[in-house]
Amino acid sequence: MFLIIIFLQLLITMIRLFFIGYIIRLIFRNTTYGRYALIISVIYYIFLLVTNITTATYIINVIASILSLILYVYVYDRNQILKPKKLKGMDTQFRTKHADQIFFIALTSITWFLAILLYVLIASDLILYVFLLLFNVISFILIFYVKEENVYLIVGKNEKQLYEYPIPKKVLKYAPVDFFQSDDYMIDYVGVMYENRIKTHLYMLPVDQLHPSIFSNATRIEFHYEFLGELKKYQFVSITFKEKTPRLKRLK
């Protein structure tokens, strides 16, 4: 029983720390910030362990912080770390909002199952559940804030054109091969735009005089975002709006 309780405490602490990086990623829309936060937590708990070496709780916290960092890296950074380095402009796939919502629901369900089980076994401190509830509420608001999701393809080098592609429901991952009807061109994933609870993934194809047939499943729309014409290949930006004024932040 003692080992089971220790194991549950380890899992709960790991998930609680993971939620910290998870929320930071959602707030700043930047995976790197969440990873930095978890690295800081590892360093912090190692420092506490060194200064309180006889306390078993700090050993659990160190192990949990390391595991939370490993889980975070696996979920959000495994393509860069576990796979060979890709060429510039080749990483064009993204996780849809549906995938993020399923992950959140699964993570929350597992967390509360473990938390309730731990409470039944040892009647753990209620402050833990207050923090978990707070993390869940914040995550829920940020995850389900996006109502719609689509793709914009910016086409042309001299004369810009804009095509919109809808993202099918229940799709977990989406890539150019899922919507672009030609193998002769390589398109670049250059950013994400957030406007009026709509998340738009931005792709670029800087080629003129393309045959209209390759855009058969797209809707051509007015090029009403002049700043989109200034985006560059091999860069990745996050675009938000403040009083209808675009704010661009380069992430890569």
Protein backbone atom coordinates (compact mmCIF):
# COMPACT_ATOMS: atom_id res chain seq x y z
CA MET A 1 0.00 0.00 0.00
CA PHE A 2 2.83 2.38 0.86
CA LEU A 3 4.40 1.97 -2.60
CA ILE A 4 1.04 2.52 -4.26
CA ILE A 5 0.57 5.78 -2.38
CA ILE A 6 4.08 6.94 -3.30
CA PHE A 7 3.43 6.06 -6.94
CA LEU A 8 0.14 7.99 -6.96
CA GLN A 9 1.79 11.02 -5.36
CA LEU A 10 4.49 10.87 -8.01
CA LEU A 11 1.95 10.76 -10.84
CA ILE A 12 -0.20 13.56 -9.40
CA THR A 13 2.83 15.81 -8.90
CA MET A 14 4.08 15.04 -12.41
CA ILE A 15 0.72 15.93 -13.98
CA ARG A 16 0.36 19.06 -11.83
CA LEU A 17 3.76 20.29 -13.03
CA PHE A 18 2.94 19.32 -16.61
CA PHE A 19 -0.20 21.48 -16.37
CA ILE A 20 1.99 24.47 -15.52
CA GLY A 21 3.98 24.12 -18.75
CA TYR A 22 0.77 23.26 -20.60
CA ILE A 23 -1.01 26.44 -19.47
CA ILE A 24 2.02 28.63 -20.20
CA ARG A 25 2.13 27.17 -23.71
CA LEU A 26 -1.56 27.96 -24.21
CA ILE A 27 -1.33 31.51 -22.84
CA PHE A 28 1.74 32.54 -24.85
CA ARG A 29 1.02 30.21 -27.81
CA ASN A 30 4.64 29.16 -27.68
CA THR A 31 5.84 25.63 -26.89
CA THR A 32 9.30 26.85 -25.91
CA TYR A 33 8.02 28.93 -22.98
CA GLY A 34 6.30 25.92 -21.45
CA ARG A 35 9.46 23.85 -21.79
CA TYR A 36 11.53 26.57 -20.11
CA ALA A 37 9.07 26.69 -17.21
CA LEU A 38 9.43 22.95 -16.64
CA ILE A 39 13.22 23.13 -16.86
CA ILE A 40 13.13 25.82 -14.16
CA SER A 41 10.94 23.55 -12.00
CA VAL A 42 13.49 20.73 -12.34
CA ILE A 43 16.31 23.03 -11.26
CA TYR A 44 14.21 24.37 -8.38
CA TYR A 45 13.34 20.94 -6.98
CA ILE A 46 16.91 19.72 -7.35
CA PHE A 47 18.02 22.74 -5.32
CA LEU A 48 15.46 21.91 -2.62
CA LEU A 49 16.60 18.29 -2.58
CA VAL A 50 20.24 19.29 -2.14
CA THR A 51 19.38 21.57 0.78
CA ASN A 52 16.92 19.08 2.36
CA ILE A 53 18.45 15.74 1.45
CA THR A 54 16.73 13.78 4.24
CA THR A 55 13.21 14.68 3.09
CA ALA A 56 11.60 12.02 0.89
CA THR A 57 9.03 14.49 -0.48
CA TYR A 58 11.74 16.41 -2.32
CA ILE A 59 12.97 13.21 -3.97
CA ILE A 60 9.45 12.60 -5.30
CA ASN A 61 9.25 16.21 -6.52
CA VAL A 62 12.56 15.95 -8.38
CA ILE A 63 11.54 12.73 -10.12
CA ALA A 64 8.09 14.14 -10.91
CA SER A 65 9.52 17.37 -12.36
CA ILE A 66 11.88 15.41 -14.62
CA LEU A 67 9.06 13.12 -15.76
CA SER A 68 6.79 16.12 -16.45
CA LEU A 69 9.51 17.66 -18.63
CA ILE A 70 10.00 14.36 -20.50
CA LEU A 71 6.23 14.08 -21.07
CA TYR A 72 6.01 17.67 -22.31
CA VAL A 73 8.92 17.22 -24.71
CA TYR A 74 7.44 13.96 -26.00
CA VAL A 75 4.01 15.51 -26.62
CA TYR A 76 5.16 18.78 -28.22
CA ASP A 77 8.82 18.48 -29.27
CA ARG A 78 9.39 14.85 -30.19
CA ASN A 79 9.56 15.60 -33.94
CA GLN A 80 12.58 17.85 -33.38
CA ILE A 81 14.30 15.60 -30.83
CA LEU A 82 13.42 11.99 -31.65
CA LYS A 83 13.58 12.30 -35.44
CA PRO A 84 16.43 13.38 -37.75
CA LYS A 85 16.64 17.11 -38.28
CA LYS A 86 14.40 18.21 -41.13
CA LEU A 87 15.22 20.60 -43.89
CA LYS A 88 13.98 24.15 -43.62
CA GLY A 89 10.36 24.56 -44.60
CA MET A 90 9.62 20.82 -44.53
CA ASP A 91 7.80 20.58 -41.18
CA THR A 92 4.34 21.62 -42.37
CA GLN A 93 2.00 19.39 -40.34
CA PHE A 94 -0.01 20.66 -37.38
CA ARG A 95 -2.28 19.30 -34.64
CA THR A 96 -5.88 20.44 -34.96
CA LYS A 97 -7.98 21.99 -32.20
CA HIS A 98 -9.91 18.70 -32.07
CA ALA A 99 -6.69 16.88 -31.15
CA ASP A 100 -5.93 19.46 -28.45
CA GLN A 101 -9.43 19.08 -26.99
CA ILE A 102 -9.22 15.28 -26.90
CA PHE A 103 -5.79 15.47 -25.22
CA PHE A 104 -7.13 17.90 -22.61
CA ILE A 105 -10.17 15.74 -21.82
CA ALA A 106 -8.03 12.60 -21.50
CA LEU A 107 -5.42 14.32 -19.33
CA THR A 108 -8.07 15.86 -17.08
CA SER A 109 -9.93 12.55 -16.67
CA ILE A 110 -6.75 10.68 -15.71
CA THR A 111 -5.71 13.45 -13.32
CA TRP A 112 -8.98 13.50 -11.40
CA PHE A 113 -9.18 9.70 -11.26
CA LEU A 114 -5.72 9.57 -9.65
CA ALA A 115 -6.48 12.55 -7.38
CA ILE A 116 -9.71 11.01 -6.05
CA LEU A 117 -8.00 7.65 -5.56
CA LEU A 118 -5.20 9.35 -3.62
CA TYR A 119 -7.74 11.20 -1.46
CA VAL A 120 -9.56 7.95 -0.65
CA LEU A 121 -6.30 6.27 0.39
CA ILE A 122 -4.66 9.01 2.46
CA ALA A 123 -7.08 11.99 2.52
CA SER A 124 -4.47 14.23 0.92
CA ASP A 125 -4.40 18.00 1.38
CA LEU A 126 -7.37 19.75 -0.25
CA ILE A 127 -5.09 22.51 -1.58
CA LEU A 128 -3.92 20.00 -4.20
CA TYR A 129 -7.45 19.71 -5.56
CA VAL A 130 -7.91 23.48 -5.54
CA PHE A 131 -4.82 23.84 -7.73
CA LEU A 132 -5.93 21.03 -10.05
CA LEU A 133 -9.37 22.59 -10.43
CA LEU A 134 -7.81 25.98 -11.16
CA PHE A 135 -5.48 24.49 -13.78
CA ASN A 136 -8.39 22.62 -15.38
CA VAL A 137 -10.59 25.70 -15.59
CA ILE A 138 -7.85 27.85 -17.12
CA SER A 139 -6.92 25.12 -19.60
CA PHE A 140 -10.56 24.55 -20.55
CA ILE A 141 -11.11 28.25 -21.29
CA LEU A 142 -7.95 28.47 -23.41
CA ILE A 143 -8.51 25.19 -25.27
CA PHE A 144 -12.18 25.70 -26.12
CA TYR A 145 -11.85 29.42 -26.86
CA VAL A 146 -11.19 28.63 -30.55
CA LYS A 147 -14.51 28.01 -32.30
CA GLU A 148 -13.33 27.58 -35.88
CA GLU A 149 -10.14 26.50 -37.61
CA ASN A 150 -9.08 26.77 -41.24
CA VAL A 151 -6.14 27.14 -43.60
CA TYR A 152 -5.07 30.11 -45.72
CA LEU A 153 -2.75 29.52 -48.65
CA ILE A 154 -0.95 32.65 -49.84
CA VAL A 155 -0.15 32.14 -53.52
CA GLY A 156 2.01 34.20 -55.84
CA LYS A 157 5.29 36.05 -55.87
CA ASN A 158 4.42 39.30 -57.63
CA GLU A 159 0.62 39.26 -57.48
CA LYS A 160 -0.73 37.73 -54.28
CA GLN A 161 -3.83 35.56 -54.13
CA LEU A 162 -5.47 34.04 -51.08
CA TYR A 163 -7.21 30.66 -50.89
CA GLU A 164 -9.13 29.26 -47.95
CA TYR A 165 -9.38 25.56 -47.08
CA PRO A 166 -11.77 24.25 -44.41
CA ILE A 167 -10.43 21.68 -41.94
CA PRO A 168 -12.69 18.61 -41.64
CA LYS A 169 -14.13 17.89 -38.21
CA LYS A 170 -12.67 15.05 -36.10
CA VAL A 171 -9.29 15.31 -37.83
CA LEU A 172 -6.36 15.10 -35.40
CA LYS A 173 -3.51 16.16 -37.68
CA TYR A 174 -3.51 18.12 -40.91
CA ALA A 175 -0.85 18.60 -43.56
CA PRO A 176 -0.55 20.08 -47.09
CA VAL A 177 -1.05 16.63 -48.64
CA ASP A 178 -4.54 16.65 -47.12
CA PHE A 179 -5.72 19.75 -48.98
CA PHE A 180 -3.28 20.73 -51.77
CA GLN A 181 -3.87 18.98 -55.08
CA SER A 182 -0.37 18.95 -56.57
CA ASP A 183 2.90 17.12 -55.93
CA ASP A 184 4.89 19.50 -58.13
CA TYR A 185 5.20 22.27 -55.56
CA MET A 186 6.30 22.48 -51.94
CA ILE A 187 4.41 24.89 -49.71
CA ASP A 188 5.70 26.38 -46.47
CA TYR A 189 3.98 26.61 -43.09
CA VAL A 190 4.69 30.22 -42.11
CA GLY A 191 2.39 31.08 -39.20
CA VAL A 192 -0.83 31.00 -37.25
CA MET A 193 -3.39 33.82 -37.06
CA TYR A 194 -5.94 34.30 -34.27
CA GLU A 195 -8.94 36.54 -34.95
CA ASN A 196 -12.45 36.53 -33.47
CA ARG A 197 -12.02 33.03 -31.98
CA ILE A 198 -10.92 31.70 -35.37
CA LYS A 199 -7.54 30.01 -35.70
CA THR A 200 -6.07 30.18 -39.20
CA HIS A 201 -2.98 28.24 -40.25
CA LEU A 202 -0.96 30.17 -42.83
CA TYR A 203 0.85 28.54 -45.74
CA MET A 204 2.81 30.11 -48.57
CA LEU A 205 3.40 29.16 -52.20
CA PRO A 206 5.44 31.97 -53.83
CA VAL A 207 4.81 30.88 -57.44
CA ASP A 208 2.97 32.81 -60.16
CA GLN A 209 0.77 31.56 -63.03
CA LEU A 210 -0.50 28.34 -61.49
CA HIS A 211 -3.30 26.38 -63.11
CA PRO A 212 -6.62 26.92 -61.27
CA SER A 213 -7.31 23.17 -61.16
CA ILE A 214 -4.89 22.64 -58.27
CA PHE A 215 -7.12 24.86 -56.13
CA SER A 216 -10.30 22.94 -56.93
CA ASN A 217 -11.17 22.22 -53.30
CA ALA A 218 -10.39 25.76 -52.07
CA THR A 219 -12.30 29.02 -51.96
CA ARG A 220 -10.56 32.07 -53.34
CA ILE A 221 -11.15 35.04 -51.07
CA GLU A 222 -10.28 38.70 -51.19
CA PHE A 223 -6.72 39.48 -50.16
CA HIS A 224 -7.87 41.76 -47.36
CA TYR A 225 -4.88 41.17 -45.09
CA GLU A 226 -2.07 43.20 -46.67
CA PHE A 227 0.41 42.16 -43.97
CA LEU A 228 0.12 38.52 -45.10
CA GLY A 229 1.93 39.50 -48.28
CA GLU A 230 4.97 40.43 -46.18
CA LEU A 231 5.41 36.99 -44.63
CA LYS A 232 8.60 35.13 -45.56
CA LYS A 233 9.58 31.53 -46.12
CA TYR A 234 11.51 29.69 -43.40
CA GLN A 235 9.96 31.90 -40.71
CA PHE A 236 7.04 31.20 -38.41
CA VAL A 237 4.91 33.94 -36.88
CA SER A 238 1.98 34.23 -34.51
CA ILE A 239 -0.55 36.93 -35.47
CA THR A 240 -3.09 38.40 -33.07
CA PHE A 241 -5.27 41.49 -33.30
CA LYS A 242 -5.73 44.40 -30.94
CA GLU A 243 -8.57 46.71 -31.99
CA LYS A 244 -8.33 45.32 -35.55
CA THR A 245 -4.61 46.11 -35.69
CA PRO A 246 -2.47 43.04 -36.44
CA ARG A 247 0.36 42.20 -34.07
CA LEU A 248 3.01 39.88 -35.47
CA LYS A 249 5.36 37.90 -33.25
CA ARG A 250 8.09 35.80 -34.80
CA LEU A 251 8.41 32.38 -33.15
CA LYS A 252 11.02 30.82 -35.42
